[in-house]
Amino acid sequence: MPPVEKISTITEKGQVTVPKPAREALGLGYGGRVAGERQRQTASRAPSLDV
């Protein structure tokens, strides 16, 4: 799978829209949850796992 590089902007309310190509690549749909992780100077996103 080729890398998906898109830029999102954080709104005044602290919300972020995940671009459609990124949602499709991550298998995210309506109501999907995303966890973020900071690594050095970059951030990564992955689908959150509900336990």
N, C-alpha and C. Protein backbone atom coordinates (compact mmCIF):
# COMPACT_ATOMS: atom_id res chain seq x y z
N MET A 1 0.85 -1.17 0.00
CA MET A 1 0.00 0.00 0.00
C MET A 1 0.90 1.24 0.00
N PRO A 2 0.69 2.17 -0.91
CA PRO A 2 1.50 3.39 -0.94
C PRO A 2 1.18 4.28 0.26
N PRO A 3 2.14 5.07 0.71
CA PRO A 3 1.88 5.95 1.85
C PRO A 3 0.84 7.01 1.49
N VAL A 4 0.04 7.37 2.49
CA VAL A 4 -0.96 8.42 2.32
C VAL A 4 -0.48 9.62 3.13
N GLU A 5 -0.20 10.71 2.45
CA GLU A 5 0.26 11.91 3.13
C GLU A 5 -0.71 13.04 2.85
N LYS A 6 -1.46 13.41 3.86
CA LYS A 6 -2.41 14.51 3.76
C LYS A 6 -2.25 15.37 5.00
N ILE A 7 -2.57 16.63 4.90
CA ILE A 7 -2.46 17.55 6.02
C ILE A 7 -3.86 17.87 6.53
N SER A 8 -4.02 17.80 7.85
CA SER A 8 -5.28 18.17 8.49
C SER A 8 -5.04 19.39 9.36
N THR A 9 -6.08 20.18 9.54
CA THR A 9 -6.00 21.37 10.37
C THR A 9 -6.84 21.16 11.62
N ILE A 10 -6.32 21.56 12.76
CA ILE A 10 -7.08 21.45 14.01
C ILE A 10 -7.96 22.70 14.11
N THR A 11 -9.25 22.49 14.33
CA THR A 11 -10.19 23.61 14.45
C THR A 11 -10.08 24.27 15.81
N GLU A 12 -10.78 25.38 15.96
CA GLU A 12 -10.80 26.11 17.24
C GLU A 12 -11.34 25.21 18.36
N LYS A 13 -12.22 24.27 18.02
CA LYS A 13 -12.78 23.34 19.01
C LYS A 13 -11.86 22.16 19.29
N GLY A 14 -10.72 22.10 18.60
CA GLY A 14 -9.79 20.99 18.81
C GLY A 14 -10.12 19.76 17.98
N GLN A 15 -10.96 19.93 16.97
CA GLN A 15 -11.35 18.81 16.13
C GLN A 15 -10.48 18.74 14.87
N VAL A 16 -10.32 17.53 14.36
CA VAL A 16 -9.54 17.32 13.15
C VAL A 16 -10.35 16.46 12.20
N THR A 17 -10.37 16.84 10.93
CA THR A 17 -11.00 16.01 9.91
C THR A 17 -9.92 15.15 9.29
N VAL A 18 -10.14 13.84 9.31
CA VAL A 18 -9.20 12.91 8.68
C VAL A 18 -9.58 12.84 7.20
N PRO A 19 -8.67 13.19 6.30
CA PRO A 19 -8.99 13.19 4.87
C PRO A 19 -9.45 11.81 4.39
N LYS A 20 -10.33 11.81 3.41
CA LYS A 20 -10.91 10.57 2.90
C LYS A 20 -9.86 9.53 2.51
N PRO A 21 -8.80 9.89 1.78
CA PRO A 21 -7.81 8.86 1.43
C PRO A 21 -7.18 8.20 2.66
N ALA A 22 -6.97 9.00 3.71
CA ALA A 22 -6.39 8.46 4.94
C ALA A 22 -7.41 7.56 5.65
N ARG A 23 -8.70 7.97 5.69
CA ARG A 23 -9.74 7.13 6.31
C ARG A 23 -9.85 5.80 5.59
N GLU A 24 -9.83 5.86 4.26
CA GLU A 24 -9.92 4.62 3.48
C GLU A 24 -8.71 3.72 3.73
N ALA A 25 -7.52 4.31 3.78
CA ALA A 25 -6.30 3.52 3.99
C ALA A 25 -6.29 2.88 5.38
N LEU A 26 -6.88 3.57 6.37
CA LEU A 26 -6.92 3.05 7.74
C LEU A 26 -8.16 2.21 8.02
N GLY A 27 -9.08 2.16 7.07
CA GLY A 27 -10.31 1.40 7.28
C GLY A 27 -11.24 2.04 8.29
N LEU A 28 -11.23 3.38 8.35
CA LEU A 28 -12.08 4.10 9.29
C LEU A 28 -13.40 4.47 8.64
N GLY A 29 -14.48 4.39 9.41
CA GLY A 29 -15.78 4.78 8.93
C GLY A 29 -16.45 5.69 9.94
N TYR A 30 -17.72 5.98 9.72
CA TYR A 30 -18.48 6.84 10.62
C TYR A 30 -18.40 6.29 12.05
N GLY A 31 -18.09 7.16 12.98
CA GLY A 31 -18.01 6.74 14.38
C GLY A 31 -16.70 6.05 14.74
N GLY A 32 -15.80 5.91 13.75
CA GLY A 32 -14.52 5.27 14.02
C GLY A 32 -13.71 6.07 15.02
N ARG A 33 -12.83 5.38 15.70
CA ARG A 33 -12.00 6.04 16.71
C ARG A 33 -10.54 5.97 16.27
N VAL A 34 -9.81 7.05 16.55
CA VAL A 34 -8.41 7.14 16.15
C VAL A 34 -7.57 7.47 17.38
N ALA A 35 -6.47 6.77 17.52
CA ALA A 35 -5.50 7.07 18.58
C ALA A 35 -4.29 7.73 17.96
N GLY A 36 -3.71 8.69 18.64
CA GLY A 36 -2.53 9.36 18.14
C GLY A 36 -1.32 9.03 19.01
N GLU A 37 -0.16 9.06 18.40
CA GLU A 37 1.07 8.77 19.12
C GLU A 37 2.16 9.71 18.63
N ARG A 38 2.87 10.31 19.55
CA ARG A 38 3.96 11.22 19.17
C ARG A 38 5.28 10.45 19.21
N GLN A 39 6.02 10.55 18.12
CA GLN A 39 7.34 9.92 18.04
C GLN A 39 8.32 10.97 17.54
N ARG A 40 9.20 11.41 18.41
CA ARG A 40 10.17 12.47 18.10
C ARG A 40 9.44 13.70 17.59
N GLN A 41 9.67 14.12 16.35
CA GLN A 41 9.04 15.33 15.82
C GLN A 41 7.87 15.02 14.89
N THR A 42 7.41 13.79 14.86
CA THR A 42 6.29 13.43 14.00
C THR A 42 5.16 12.85 14.84
N ALA A 43 4.00 12.78 14.26
CA ALA A 43 2.86 12.15 14.92
C ALA A 43 2.30 11.11 13.97
N SER A 44 1.84 10.02 14.52
CA SER A 44 1.24 8.98 13.69
C SER A 44 -0.17 8.72 14.19
N ARG A 45 -0.99 8.17 13.33
CA ARG A 45 -2.38 7.86 13.68
C ARG A 45 -2.66 6.42 13.32
N ALA A 46 -3.44 5.78 14.13
CA ALA A 46 -3.85 4.42 13.84
C ALA A 46 -5.24 4.23 14.41
N PRO A 47 -6.02 3.31 13.84
CA PRO A 47 -7.34 3.07 14.40
C PRO A 47 -7.24 2.65 15.86
N SER A 48 -8.12 3.18 16.68
CA SER A 48 -8.16 2.83 18.09
C SER A 48 -8.88 1.49 18.25
N LEU A 49 -8.40 0.69 19.16
CA LEU A 49 -9.02 -0.61 19.41
C LEU A 49 -9.91 -0.51 20.64
N ASP A 50 -11.18 -0.80 20.49
CA ASP A 50 -12.09 -0.82 21.65
C ASP A 50 -11.95 -2.18 22.30
N VAL A 51 -11.72 -2.16 23.61
CA VAL A 51 -11.54 -3.42 24.34
C VAL A 51 -12.74 -3.68 25.18
